[in-house]
Amino acid sequence: MDDYKERLRGLALHDDRFLDLLLADESTTSSSVVLGSKTAALVRVAATVAVDAAPSSFQHAVAHALAAGAGSAEIVATLEAVVPVTGAARVVSAAPKLALALGYDVEDALEQLDP
C-alpha cells in the first residue's frame, strides 16, 4: 500500500500512536518531510487563520514559520491566500493578530494616523 494511503488510514481511524507521532516532533513529521519545513509552517499559519485561533497561537505559528525560513511577506501572502476559502471577515479578524505576531501593532499604527 502507498505511504499516503497508510497515513490517511491512520488519520481516518484516529490512530493514537500515529497522531502522537505527528504531535511529538514537528520537524520529523511526514508533512515537513514531504512539503518542506517552510511550506508546512505556512500551512500551519493558514490553519491558524482558518480556525480563528487565539493570539498566542498566531505567535507560535509565526515564530515557527520564521524559524523555518519564511519571511514576513510570505506570511502575509499566506493570510491573503486564504481569503477565498475562509472569507474576508475571517482574514480581517486575523490580520491584527498576525501583525502583532510579526511585531507590528496595526491598531497603534492606525491610531497614530488619526488626527
PDB file of N, CA and C in Angstrom:
ATOM      1  N   MET A   1       0.852  -1.177   0.000  1.00  0.00           N
ATOM      2  CA  MET A   1       0.000   0.000   0.000  1.00  0.00           C
ATOM      3  C   MET A   1       0.894   1.236   0.000  1.00  0.00           C
ATOM      4  N   ASP A   2       0.466   2.265  -0.718  1.00  0.00           N
ATOM      5  CA  ASP A   2       1.224   3.505  -0.774  1.00  0.00           C
ATOM      6  C   ASP A   2       1.273   4.164   0.598  1.00  0.00           C
ATOM      7  N   ASP A   3       2.377   4.867   0.861  1.00  0.00           N
ATOM      8  CA  ASP A   3       2.578   5.525   2.142  1.00  0.00           C
ATOM      9  C   ASP A   3       1.469   6.538   2.437  1.00  0.00           C
ATOM     10  N   TYR A   4       1.039   7.297   1.435  1.00  0.00           N
ATOM     11  CA  TYR A   4      -0.003   8.293   1.697  1.00  0.00           C
ATOM     12  C   TYR A   4      -1.314   7.625   2.096  1.00  0.00           C
ATOM     13  N   LYS A   5      -1.570   6.436   1.564  1.00  0.00           N
ATOM     14  CA  LYS A   5      -2.789   5.715   1.934  1.00  0.00           C
ATOM     15  C   LYS A   5      -2.718   5.239   3.388  1.00  0.00           C
ATOM     16  N   GLU A   6      -1.545   4.781   3.797  1.00  0.00           N
ATOM     17  CA  GLU A   6      -1.372   4.357   5.189  1.00  0.00           C
ATOM     18  C   GLU A   6      -1.579   5.544   6.128  1.00  0.00           C
ATOM     19  N   ARG A   7      -1.050   6.707   5.760  1.00  0.00           N
ATOM     20  CA  ARG A   7      -1.213   7.899   6.596  1.00  0.00           C
ATOM     21  C   ARG A   7      -2.675   8.327   6.658  1.00  0.00           C
ATOM     22  N   LEU A   8      -3.360   8.293   5.527  1.00  0.00           N
ATOM     23  CA  LEU A   8      -4.788   8.639   5.519  1.00  0.00           C
ATOM     24  C   LEU A   8      -5.593   7.679   6.380  1.00  0.00           C
ATOM     25  N   ARG A   9      -5.253   6.385   6.273  1.00  0.00           N
ATOM     26  CA  ARG A   9      -5.955   5.389   7.083  1.00  0.00           C
ATOM     27  C   ARG A   9      -5.732   5.657   8.573  1.00  0.00           C
ATOM     28  N   GLY A  10      -4.499   5.956   8.946  1.00  0.00           N
ATOM     29  CA  GLY A  10      -4.197   6.254  10.342  1.00  0.00           C
ATOM     30  C   GLY A  10      -4.966   7.462  10.853  1.00  0.00           C
ATOM     31  N   LEU A  11      -5.095   8.476  10.022  1.00  0.00           N
ATOM     32  CA  LEU A  11      -5.857   9.666  10.414  1.00  0.00           C
ATOM     33  C   LEU A  11      -7.346   9.356  10.498  1.00  0.00           C
ATOM     34  N   ALA A  12      -7.861   8.642   9.508  1.00  0.00           N
ATOM     35  CA  ALA A  12      -9.290   8.328   9.478  1.00  0.00           C
ATOM     36  C   ALA A  12      -9.705   7.441  10.646  1.00  0.00           C
ATOM     37  N   LEU A  13      -8.802   6.574  11.091  1.00  0.00           N
ATOM     38  CA  LEU A  13      -9.105   5.667  12.191  1.00  0.00           C
ATOM     39  C   LEU A  13      -8.764   6.261  13.559  1.00  0.00           C
ATOM     40  N   HIS A  14      -8.311   7.490  13.561  1.00  0.00           N
ATOM     41  CA  HIS A  14      -7.898   8.152  14.805  1.00  0.00           C
ATOM     42  C   HIS A  14      -6.874   7.288  15.536  1.00  0.00           C
ATOM     43  N   ASP A  15      -5.862   6.862  14.794  1.00  0.00           N
ATOM     44  CA  ASP A  15      -4.784   6.038  15.342  1.00  0.00           C
ATOM     45  C   ASP A  15      -3.974   6.890  16.319  1.00  0.00           C
ATOM     46  N   ASP A  16      -4.148   6.624  17.614  1.00  0.00           N
ATOM     47  CA  ASP A  16      -3.493   7.439  18.635  1.00  0.00           C
ATOM     48  C   ASP A  16      -1.979   7.436  18.515  1.00  0.00           C
ATOM     49  N   ARG A  17      -1.389   6.300  18.204  1.00  0.00           N
ATOM     50  CA  ARG A  17       0.069   6.250  18.067  1.00  0.00           C
ATOM     51  C   ARG A  17       0.534   7.129  16.916  1.00  0.00           C
ATOM     52  N   PHE A  18      -0.176   7.071  15.804  1.00  0.00           N
ATOM     53  CA  PHE A  18       0.181   7.893  14.645  1.00  0.00           C
ATOM     54  C   PHE A  18      -0.010   9.371  14.967  1.00  0.00           C
ATOM     55  N   LEU A  19      -1.126   9.713  15.594  1.00  0.00           N
ATOM     56  CA  LEU A  19      -1.379  11.110  15.955  1.00  0.00           C
ATOM     57  C   LEU A  19      -0.345  11.613  16.961  1.00  0.00           C
ATOM     58  N   ASP A  20       0.051  10.774  17.904  1.00  0.00           N
ATOM     59  CA  ASP A  20       1.087  11.164  18.863  1.00  0.00           C
ATOM     60  C   ASP A  20       2.408  11.450  18.151  1.00  0.00           C
ATOM     61  N   LEU A  21       2.724  10.661  17.133  1.00  0.00           N
ATOM     62  CA  LEU A  21       3.936  10.909  16.344  1.00  0.00           C
ATOM     63  C   LEU A  21       3.861  12.258  15.645  1.00  0.00           C
ATOM     64  N   LEU A  22       2.694  12.574  15.109  1.00  0.00           N
ATOM     65  CA  LEU A  22       2.528  13.860  14.412  1.00  0.00           C
ATOM     66  C   LEU A  22       2.673  15.037  15.366  1.00  0.00           C
ATOM     67  N   LEU A  23       2.231  14.845  16.597  1.00  0.00           N
ATOM     68  CA  LEU A  23       2.279  15.926  17.579  1.00  0.00           C
ATOM     69  C   LEU A  23       3.625  16.018  18.302  1.00  0.00           C
ATOM     70  N   ALA A  24       4.393  14.942  18.298  1.00  0.00           N
ATOM     71  CA  ALA A  24       5.614  14.873  19.101  1.00  0.00           C
ATOM     72  C   ALA A  24       6.731  15.768  18.584  1.00  0.00           C
ATOM     73  N   ASP A  25       7.058  15.668  17.324  1.00  0.00           N
ATOM     74  CA  ASP A  25       8.203  16.400  16.784  1.00  0.00           C
ATOM     75  C   ASP A  25       7.851  16.927  15.406  1.00  0.00           C
ATOM     76  N   GLU A  26       7.528  18.212  15.343  1.00  0.00           N
ATOM     77  CA  GLU A  26       7.073  18.812  14.097  1.00  0.00           C
ATOM     78  C   GLU A  26       8.106  18.715  12.981  1.00  0.00           C
ATOM     79  N   SER A  27       9.386  18.683  13.317  1.00  0.00           N
ATOM     80  CA  SER A  27      10.419  18.681  12.281  1.00  0.00           C
ATOM     81  C   SER A  27      10.555  17.335  11.581  1.00  0.00           C
ATOM     82  N   THR A  28      10.043  16.264  12.174  1.00  0.00           N
ATOM     83  CA  THR A  28      10.197  14.942  11.557  1.00  0.00           C
ATOM     84  C   THR A  28       8.884  14.380  11.017  1.00  0.00           C
ATOM     85  N   THR A  29       7.817  15.155  11.059  1.00  0.00           N
ATOM     86  CA  THR A  29       6.547  14.651  10.549  1.00  0.00           C
ATOM     87  C   THR A  29       6.615  14.528   9.037  1.00  0.00           C
ATOM     88  N   SER A  30       5.761  13.683   8.502  1.00  0.00           N
ATOM     89  CA  SER A  30       5.750  13.496   7.056  1.00  0.00           C
ATOM     90  C   SER A  30       5.397  14.798   6.343  1.00  0.00           C
ATOM     91  N   SER A  31       4.576  15.647   6.971  1.00  0.00           N
ATOM     92  CA  SER A  31       4.238  16.910   6.308  1.00  0.00           C
ATOM     93  C   SER A  31       5.485  17.767   6.129  1.00  0.00           C
ATOM     94  N   SER A  32       6.344  17.827   7.126  1.00  0.00           N
ATOM     95  CA  SER A  32       7.564  18.617   6.998  1.00  0.00           C
ATOM     96  C   SER A  32       8.531  17.998   6.004  1.00  0.00           C
ATOM     97  N   VAL A  33       8.576  16.665   5.970  1.00  0.00           N
ATOM     98  CA  VAL A  33       9.481  15.981   5.053  1.00  0.00           C
ATOM     99  C   VAL A  33       8.989  16.125   3.611  1.00  0.00           C
ATOM    100  N   VAL A  34       7.704  15.915   3.386  1.00  0.00           N
ATOM    101  CA  VAL A  34       7.156  15.952   2.029  1.00  0.00           C
ATOM    102  C   VAL A  34       7.016  17.384   1.522  1.00  0.00           C
ATOM    103  N   LEU A  35       6.469  18.257   2.349  1.00  0.00           N
ATOM    104  CA  LEU A  35       6.227  19.637   1.926  1.00  0.00           C
ATOM    105  C   LEU A  35       7.449  20.529   2.069  1.00  0.00           C
ATOM    106  N   GLY A  36       8.313  20.189   2.968  1.00  0.00           N
ATOM    107  CA  GLY A  36       9.404  21.081   3.342  1.00  0.00           C
ATOM    108  C   GLY A  36       8.972  21.844   4.580  1.00  0.00           C
ATOM    109  N   SER A  37       9.915  22.156   5.434  1.00  0.00           N
ATOM    110  CA  SER A  37       9.560  22.764   6.717  1.00  0.00           C
ATOM    111  C   SER A  37       8.935  24.141   6.564  1.00  0.00           C
ATOM    112  N   LYS A  38       9.389  24.931   5.594  1.00  0.00           N
ATOM    113  CA  LYS A  38       8.822  26.269   5.419  1.00  0.00           C
ATOM    114  C   LYS A  38       7.384  26.190   4.934  1.00  0.00           C
ATOM    115  N   THR A  39       7.114  25.367   3.944  1.00  0.00           N
ATOM    116  CA  THR A  39       5.748  25.234   3.434  1.00  0.00           C
ATOM    117  C   THR A  39       4.826  24.678   4.505  1.00  0.00           C
ATOM    118  N   ALA A  40       5.281  23.670   5.249  1.00  0.00           N
ATOM    119  CA  ALA A  40       4.460  23.107   6.327  1.00  0.00           C
ATOM    120  C   ALA A  40       4.144  24.176   7.371  1.00  0.00           C
ATOM    121  N   ALA A  41       5.116  25.025   7.697  1.00  0.00           N
ATOM    122  CA  ALA A  41       4.889  26.090   8.673  1.00  0.00           C
ATOM    123  C   ALA A  41       3.893  27.114   8.140  1.00  0.00           C
ATOM    124  N   LEU A  42       3.957  27.428   6.850  1.00  0.00           N
ATOM    125  CA  LEU A  42       2.997  28.379   6.269  1.00  0.00           C
ATOM    126  C   LEU A  42       1.587  27.787   6.222  1.00  0.00           C
ATOM    127  N   VAL A  43       1.499  26.490   6.006  1.00  0.00           N
ATOM    128  CA  VAL A  43       0.190  25.826   6.063  1.00  0.00           C
ATOM    129  C   VAL A  43      -0.380  25.952   7.472  1.00  0.00           C
ATOM    130  N   ARG A  44       0.468  25.833   8.474  1.00  0.00           N
ATOM    131  CA  ARG A  44       0.004  25.993   9.860  1.00  0.00           C
ATOM    132  C   ARG A  44      -0.478  27.418  10.131  1.00  0.00           C
ATOM    133  N   VAL A  45       0.191  28.393   9.531  1.00  0.00           N
ATOM    134  CA  VAL A  45      -0.292  29.776   9.655  1.00  0.00           C
ATOM    135  C   VAL A  45      -1.685  29.878   9.046  1.00  0.00           C
ATOM    136  N   ALA A  46      -1.860  29.285   7.873  1.00  0.00           N
ATOM    137  CA  ALA A  46      -3.177  29.310   7.213  1.00  0.00           C
ATOM    138  C   ALA A  46      -4.235  28.638   8.074  1.00  0.00           C
ATOM    139  N   ALA A  47      -3.893  27.525   8.682  1.00  0.00           N
ATOM    140  CA  ALA A  47      -4.854  26.826   9.543  1.00  0.00           C
ATOM    141  C   ALA A  47      -5.185  27.660  10.775  1.00  0.00           C
ATOM    142  N   THR A  48      -4.211  28.378  11.284  1.00  0.00           N
ATOM    143  CA  THR A  48      -4.436  29.245  12.436  1.00  0.00           C
ATOM    144  C   THR A  48      -5.459  30.319  12.093  1.00  0.00           C
ATOM    145  N   VAL A  49      -5.358  30.846  10.881  1.00  0.00           N
ATOM    146  CA  VAL A  49      -6.347  31.824  10.402  1.00  0.00           C
ATOM    147  C   VAL A  49      -7.709  31.154  10.269  1.00  0.00           C
ATOM    148  N   ALA A  50      -7.725  29.975   9.661  1.00  0.00           N
ATOM    149  CA  ALA A  50      -8.989  29.291   9.370  1.00  0.00           C
ATOM    150  C   ALA A  50      -9.792  28.969  10.623  1.00  0.00           C
ATOM    151  N   VAL A  51      -9.105  28.655  11.719  1.00  0.00           N
ATOM    152  CA  VAL A  51      -9.831  28.298  12.944  1.00  0.00           C
ATOM    153  C   VAL A  51     -10.021  29.493  13.872  1.00  0.00           C
ATOM    154  N   ASP A  52      -9.626  30.670  13.422  1.00  0.00           N
ATOM    155  CA  ASP A  52      -9.753  31.893  14.220  1.00  0.00           C
ATOM    156  C   ASP A  52      -9.109  31.692  15.588  1.00  0.00           C
ATOM    157  N   ALA A  53      -7.849  31.297  15.545  1.00  0.00           N
ATOM    158  CA  ALA A  53      -7.119  30.951  16.770  1.00  0.00           C
ATOM    159  C   ALA A  53      -6.839  32.171  17.638  1.00  0.00           C
ATOM    160  N   ALA A  54      -6.447  31.885  18.855  1.00  0.00           N
ATOM    161  CA  ALA A  54      -6.091  32.920  19.819  1.00  0.00           C
ATOM    162  C   ALA A  54      -4.766  33.579  19.415  1.00  0.00           C
ATOM    163  N   PRO A  55      -4.534  34.799  19.896  1.00  0.00           N
ATOM    164  CA  PRO A  55      -3.274  35.487  19.571  1.00  0.00           C
ATOM    165  C   PRO A  55      -2.024  34.666  19.907  1.00  0.00           C
ATOM    166  N   SER A  56      -2.054  33.907  20.992  1.00  0.00           N
ATOM    167  CA  SER A  56      -0.881  33.094  21.346  1.00  0.00           C
ATOM    168  C   SER A  56      -0.605  32.021  20.293  1.00  0.00           C
ATOM    169  N   SER A  57      -1.653  31.517  19.673  1.00  0.00           N
ATOM    170  CA  SER A  57      -1.466  30.526  18.607  1.00  0.00           C
ATOM    171  C   SER A  57      -0.847  31.177  17.376  1.00  0.00           C
ATOM    172  N   PHE A  58      -1.236  32.409  17.095  1.00  0.00           N
ATOM    173  CA  PHE A  58      -0.610  33.139  15.991  1.00  0.00           C
ATOM    174  C   PHE A  58       0.869  33.368  16.296  1.00  0.00           C
ATOM    175  N   GLN A  59       1.184  33.718  17.552  1.00  0.00           N
ATOM    176  CA  GLN A  59       2.582  33.917  17.946  1.00  0.00           C
ATOM    177  C   GLN A  59       3.391  32.645  17.674  1.00  0.00           C
ATOM    178  N   HIS A  60       2.834  31.501  18.070  1.00  0.00           N
ATOM    179  CA  HIS A  60       3.528  30.230  17.877  1.00  0.00           C
ATOM    180  C   HIS A  60       3.684  29.901  16.390  1.00  0.00           C
ATOM    181  N   ALA A  61       2.614  30.036  15.629  1.00  0.00           N
ATOM    182  CA  ALA A  61       2.658  29.694  14.205  1.00  0.00           C
ATOM    183  C   ALA A  61       3.624  30.595  13.446  1.00  0.00           C
ATOM    184  N   VAL A  62       3.606  31.871  13.752  1.00  0.00           N
ATOM    185  CA  VAL A  62       4.504  32.810  13.069  1.00  0.00           C
ATOM    186  C   VAL A  62       5.950  32.559  13.476  1.00  0.00           C
ATOM    187  N   ALA A  63       6.196  32.332  14.748  1.00  0.00           N
ATOM    188  CA  ALA A  63       7.563  32.030  15.192  1.00  0.00           C
ATOM    189  C   ALA A  63       8.091  30.778  14.501  1.00  0.00           C
ATOM    190  N   HIS A  64       7.230  29.775  14.376  1.00  0.00           N
ATOM    191  CA  HIS A  64       7.618  28.536  13.697  1.00  0.00           C
ATOM    192  C   HIS A  64       7.927  28.804  12.219  1.00  0.00           C
ATOM    193  N   ALA A  65       7.088  29.602  11.564  1.00  0.00           N
ATOM    194  CA  ALA A  65       7.306  29.916  10.147  1.00  0.00           C
ATOM    195  C   ALA A  65       8.596  30.708   9.952  1.00  0.00           C
ATOM    196  N   LEU A  66       8.828  31.685  10.801  1.00  0.00           N
ATOM    197  CA  LEU A  66      10.068  32.459  10.701  1.00  0.00           C
ATOM    198  C   LEU A  66      11.282  31.568  10.920  1.00  0.00           C
ATOM    199  N   ALA A  67      11.213  30.678  11.900  1.00  0.00           N
ATOM    200  CA  ALA A  67      12.323  29.758  12.175  1.00  0.00           C
ATOM    201  C   ALA A  67      12.563  28.805  11.016  1.00  0.00           C
ATOM    202  N   ALA A  68      11.497  28.508  10.262  1.00  0.00           N
ATOM    203  CA  ALA A  68      11.622  27.607   9.114  1.00  0.00           C
ATOM    204  C   ALA A  68      12.115  28.330   7.868  1.00  0.00           C
ATOM    205  N   GLY A  69      12.319  29.645   7.975  1.00  0.00           N
ATOM    206  CA  GLY A  69      12.869  30.386   6.849  1.00  0.00           C
ATOM    207  C   GLY A  69      11.882  31.238   6.077  1.00  0.00           C
ATOM    208  N   ALA A  70      10.642  31.294   6.525  1.00  0.00           N
ATOM    209  CA  ALA A  70       9.658  32.147   5.854  1.00  0.00           C
ATOM    210  C   ALA A  70       9.910  33.599   6.231  1.00  0.00           C
ATOM    211  N   GLY A  71       9.674  34.472   5.282  1.00  0.00           N
ATOM    212  CA  GLY A  71       9.788  35.898   5.552  1.00  0.00           C
ATOM    213  C   GLY A  71       8.431  36.485   5.880  1.00  0.00           C
ATOM    214  N   SER A  72       8.443  37.687   6.392  1.00  0.00           N
ATOM    215  CA  SER A  72       7.191  38.366   6.744  1.00  0.00           C
ATOM    216  C   SER A  72       6.261  38.485   5.540  1.00  0.00           C
ATOM    217  N   ALA A  73       6.816  38.790   4.383  1.00  0.00           N
ATOM    218  CA  ALA A  73       5.991  38.925   3.175  1.00  0.00           C
ATOM    219  C   ALA A  73       5.306  37.602   2.823  1.00  0.00           C
ATOM    220  N   GLU A  74       6.007  36.486   3.008  1.00  0.00           N
ATOM    221  CA  GLU A  74       5.410  35.177   2.727  1.00  0.00           C
ATOM    222  C   GLU A  74       4.301  34.853   3.719  1.00  0.00           C
ATOM    223  N   ILE A  75       4.489  35.256   4.954  1.00  0.00           N
ATOM    224  CA  ILE A  75       3.473  35.001   5.974  1.00  0.00           C
ATOM    225  C   ILE A  75       2.223  35.818   5.688  1.00  0.00           C
ATOM    226  N   VAL A  76       2.403  37.077   5.305  1.00  0.00           N
ATOM    227  CA  VAL A  76       1.250  37.911   4.953  1.00  0.00           C
ATOM    228  C   VAL A  76       0.594  37.393   3.674  1.00  0.00           C
ATOM    229  N   ALA A  77       1.380  36.921   2.716  1.00  0.00           N
ATOM    230  CA  ALA A  77       0.816  36.348   1.492  1.00  0.00           C
ATOM    231  C   ALA A  77      -0.018  35.111   1.805  1.00  0.00           C
ATOM    232  N   THR A  78       0.379  34.363   2.819  1.00  0.00           N
ATOM    233  CA  THR A  78      -0.402  33.198   3.252  1.00  0.00           C
ATOM    234  C   THR A  78      -1.756  33.648   3.769  1.00  0.00           C
ATOM    235  N   LEU A  79      -1.776  34.719   4.548  1.00  0.00           N
ATOM    236  CA  LEU A  79      -3.033  35.284   5.027  1.00  0.00           C
ATOM    237  C   LEU A  79      -3.914  35.688   3.849  1.00  0.00           C
ATOM    238  N   GLU A  80      -3.329  36.343   2.876  1.00  0.00           N
ATOM    239  CA  GLU A  80      -4.091  36.780   1.701  1.00  0.00           C
ATOM    240  C   GLU A  80      -4.595  35.593   0.883  1.00  0.00           C
ATOM    241  N   ALA A  81      -3.809  34.528   0.833  1.00  0.00           N
ATOM    242  CA  ALA A  81      -4.168  33.368   0.011  1.00  0.00           C
ATOM    243  C   ALA A  81      -5.398  32.637   0.513  1.00  0.00           C
ATOM    244  N   VAL A  82      -5.712  32.752   1.804  1.00  0.00           N
ATOM    245  CA  VAL A  82      -6.847  32.018   2.344  1.00  0.00           C
ATOM    246  C   VAL A  82      -8.170  32.777   2.241  1.00  0.00           C
ATOM    247  N   VAL A  83      -8.136  34.010   1.758  1.00  0.00           N
ATOM    248  CA  VAL A  83      -9.377  34.795   1.646  1.00  0.00           C
ATOM    249  C   VAL A  83     -10.473  34.044   0.893  1.00  0.00           C
ATOM    250  N   PRO A  84     -10.183  33.421  -0.271  1.00  0.00           N
ATOM    251  CA  PRO A  84     -11.275  32.738  -0.994  1.00  0.00           C
ATOM    252  C   PRO A  84     -11.874  31.551  -0.231  1.00  0.00           C
ATOM    253  N   VAL A  85     -11.114  30.981   0.691  1.00  0.00           N
ATOM    254  CA  VAL A  85     -11.584  29.813   1.436  1.00  0.00           C
ATOM    255  C   VAL A  85     -12.248  30.217   2.745  1.00  0.00           C
ATOM    256  N   THR A  86     -11.597  31.089   3.495  1.00  0.00           N
ATOM    257  CA  THR A  86     -12.102  31.448   4.822  1.00  0.00           C
ATOM    258  C   THR A  86     -13.067  32.618   4.793  1.00  0.00           C
ATOM    259  N   GLY A  87     -12.979  33.425   3.757  1.00  0.00           N
ATOM    260  CA  GLY A  87     -13.796  34.627   3.657  1.00  0.00           C
ATOM    261  C   GLY A  87     -13.057  35.838   4.187  1.00  0.00           C
ATOM    262  N   ALA A  88     -13.470  36.984   3.710  1.00  0.00           N
ATOM    263  CA  ALA A  88     -12.802  38.229   4.076  1.00  0.00           C
ATOM    264  C   ALA A  88     -12.931  38.526   5.566  1.00  0.00           C
ATOM    265  N   ALA A  89     -14.096  38.252   6.152  1.00  0.00           N
ATOM    266  CA  ALA A  89     -14.302  38.583   7.569  1.00  0.00           C
ATOM    267  C   ALA A  89     -13.297  37.856   8.457  1.00  0.00           C
ATOM    268  N   ARG A  90     -13.026  36.594   8.177  1.00  0.00           N
ATOM    269  CA  ARG A  90     -12.077  35.820   8.991  1.00  0.00           C
ATOM    270  C   ARG A  90     -10.667  36.383   8.832  1.00  0.00           C
ATOM    271  N   VAL A  91     -10.312  36.756   7.621  1.00  0.00           N
ATOM    272  CA  VAL A  91      -8.975  37.301   7.370  1.00  0.00           C
ATOM    273  C   VAL A  91      -8.819  38.677   8.015  1.00  0.00           C
ATOM    274  N   VAL A  92      -9.850  39.502   7.919  1.00  0.00           N
ATOM    275  CA  VAL A  92      -9.808  40.823   8.557  1.00  0.00           C
ATOM    276  C   VAL A  92      -9.656  40.666  10.068  1.00  0.00           C
ATOM    277  N   SER A  93     -10.338  39.693  10.643  1.00  0.00           N
ATOM    278  CA  SER A  93     -10.226  39.424  12.074  1.00  0.00           C
ATOM    279  C   SER A  93      -8.832  38.921  12.443  1.00  0.00           C
ATOM    280  N   ALA A  94      -8.229  38.148  11.573  1.00  0.00           N
ATOM    281  CA  ALA A  94      -6.917  37.557  11.849  1.00  0.00           C
ATOM    282  C   ALA A  94      -5.766  38.532  11.610  1.00  0.00           C
ATOM    283  N   ALA A  95      -5.956  39.501  10.760  1.00  0.00           N
ATOM    284  CA  ALA A  95      -4.860  40.394  10.379  1.00  0.00           C
ATOM    285  C   ALA A  95      -4.182  41.074  11.567  1.00  0.00           C
ATOM    286  N   PRO A  96      -4.912  41.658  12.508  1.00  0.00           N
ATOM    287  CA  PRO A  96      -4.218  42.284  13.646  1.00  0.00           C
ATOM    288  C   PRO A  96      -3.446  41.284  14.511  1.00  0.00           C
ATOM    289  N   LYS A  97      -3.977  40.073  14.669  1.00  0.00           N
ATOM    290  CA  LYS A  97      -3.285  39.048  15.462  1.00  0.00           C
ATOM    291  C   LYS A  97      -2.004  38.608  14.763  1.00  0.00           C
ATOM    292  N   LEU A  98      -2.087  38.449  13.453  1.00  0.00           N
ATOM    293  CA  LEU A  98      -0.909  38.069  12.677  1.00  0.00           C
ATOM    294  C   LEU A  98       0.113  39.197  12.696  1.00  0.00           C
ATOM    295  N   ALA A  99      -0.359  40.424  12.563  1.00  0.00           N
ATOM    296  CA  ALA A  99       0.542  41.578  12.590  1.00  0.00           C
ATOM    297  C   ALA A  99       1.294  41.651  13.916  1.00  0.00           C
ATOM    298  N   LEU A 100       0.576  41.482  15.026  1.00  0.00           N
ATOM    299  CA  LEU A 100       1.236  41.501  16.337  1.00  0.00           C
ATOM    300  C   LEU A 100       2.288  40.401  16.445  1.00  0.00           C
ATOM    301  N   ALA A 101       1.980  39.244  15.895  1.00  0.00           N
ATOM    302  CA  ALA A 101       2.937  38.137  15.923  1.00  0.00           C
ATOM    303  C   ALA A 101       4.193  38.470  15.117  1.00  0.00           C
ATOM    304  N   LEU A 102       4.032  39.361  14.135  1.00  0.00           N
ATOM    305  CA  LEU A 102       5.178  39.812  13.340  1.00  0.00           C
ATOM    306  C   LEU A 102       5.835  41.057  13.935  1.00  0.00           C
ATOM    307  N   GLY A 103       5.302  41.521  15.063  1.00  0.00           N
ATOM    308  CA  GLY A 103       5.893  42.676  15.710  1.00  0.00           C
ATOM    309  C   GLY A 103       5.360  44.014  15.235  1.00  0.00           C
ATOM    310  N   TYR A 104       4.211  43.998  14.591  1.00  0.00           N
ATOM    311  CA  TYR A 104       3.610  45.230  14.068  1.00  0.00           C
ATOM    312  C   TYR A 104       2.223  45.394  14.666  1.00  0.00           C
ATOM    313  N   ASP A 105       2.015  46.482  15.373  1.00  0.00           N
ATOM    314  CA  ASP A 105       0.727  46.764  16.008  1.00  0.00           C
ATOM    315  C   ASP A 105      -0.114  47.617  15.069  1.00  0.00           C
ATOM    316  N   VAL A 106      -0.988  46.986  14.312  1.00  0.00           N
ATOM    317  CA  VAL A 106      -1.826  47.675  13.326  1.00  0.00           C
ATOM    318  C   VAL A 106      -2.705  48.720  13.996  1.00  0.00           C
ATOM    319  N   GLU A 107      -3.315  48.354  15.110  1.00  0.00           N
ATOM    320  CA  GLU A 107      -4.221  49.279  15.789  1.00  0.00           C
ATOM    321  C   GLU A 107      -3.481  50.522  16.267  1.00  0.00           C
ATOM    322  N   ASP A 108      -2.290  50.369  16.798  1.00  0.00           N
ATOM    323  CA  ASP A 108      -1.493  51.512  17.221  1.00  0.00           C
ATOM    324  C   ASP A 108      -1.135  52.379  16.019  1.00  0.00           C
ATOM    325  N   ALA A 109      -0.760  51.754  14.917  1.00  0.00           N
ATOM    326  CA  ALA A 109      -0.404  52.492  13.706  1.00  0.00           C
ATOM    327  C   ALA A 109      -1.603  53.283  13.194  1.00  0.00           C
ATOM    328  N   LEU A 110      -2.794  52.679  13.250  1.00  0.00           N
ATOM    329  CA  LEU A 110      -3.989  53.380  12.788  1.00  0.00           C
ATOM    330  C   LEU A 110      -4.338  54.552  13.703  1.00  0.00           C
ATOM    331  N   GLU A 111      -4.132  54.397  15.004  1.00  0.00           N
ATOM    332  CA  GLU A 111      -4.401  55.489  15.945  1.00  0.00           C
ATOM    333  C   GLU A 111      -3.476  56.672  15.680  1.00  0.00           C
ATOM    334  N   GLN A 112      -2.256  56.394  15.310  1.00  0.00           N
ATOM    335  CA  GLN A 112      -1.289  57.461  15.034  1.00  0.00           C
ATOM    336  C   GLN A 112      -1.643  58.221  13.759  1.00  0.00           C
ATOM    337  N   LEU A 113      -2.385  57.562  12.861  1.00  0.00           N
ATOM    338  CA  LEU A 113      -2.814  58.232  11.628  1.00  0.00           C
ATOM    339  C   LEU A 113      -3.995  59.168  11.850  1.00  0.00           C
ATOM    340  N   ASP A 114      -4.807  58.878  12.862  1.00  0.00           N
ATOM    341  CA  ASP A 114      -5.974  59.716  13.158  1.00  0.00           C
ATOM    342  C   ASP A 114      -5.535  61.050  13.733  1.00  0.00           C
ATOM    343  N   PRO A 115      -6.114  62.160  13.203  1.00  0.00           N
ATOM    344  CA  PRO A 115      -5.736  63.477  13.730  1.00  0.00           C
ATOM    345  C   PRO A 115      -6.353  63.736  15.084  1.00  0.00           C
TER     346      PRO A 115
END
